[in-house]
């Protein structure tokens, strides 16, 4: 998955839906293969909700704090740890079981980059 900004919330619900469509199983597990981005489930009806999340994380973990890690992306590592790197979503008849306003998001904190998510259907 390609991200386009240093920090962004990319809705990946449709990609995950397509990947599990018709799959037999009881759940799908998603795992982010990177240390400077994460995965979360949050509201996908109002884009302001995700902007608020990004702004809140930026206040909690500022980019310009004097971190020890020399790559210049320490804030991204901390934000990734706070958000988490994996999700498990139930499946019913090969379809994601999400609430009315829920979406699955790749949270980019050190982009733009090409990101990989491992997806496993649990039988």
Foldseek 3Di string as FASTA:
>chain_A
DFDDDLWDWAFCQVVVQVVQAQPDAWKKKKFWPDQQKAKDKDFDPDVVVVVVVRVVLCVVQPLPDPDPDPPSQVSSNVVRVVRDGMDMFTDDSRGTDDDPGITMIITHNGDRDDIDMDMDGHD
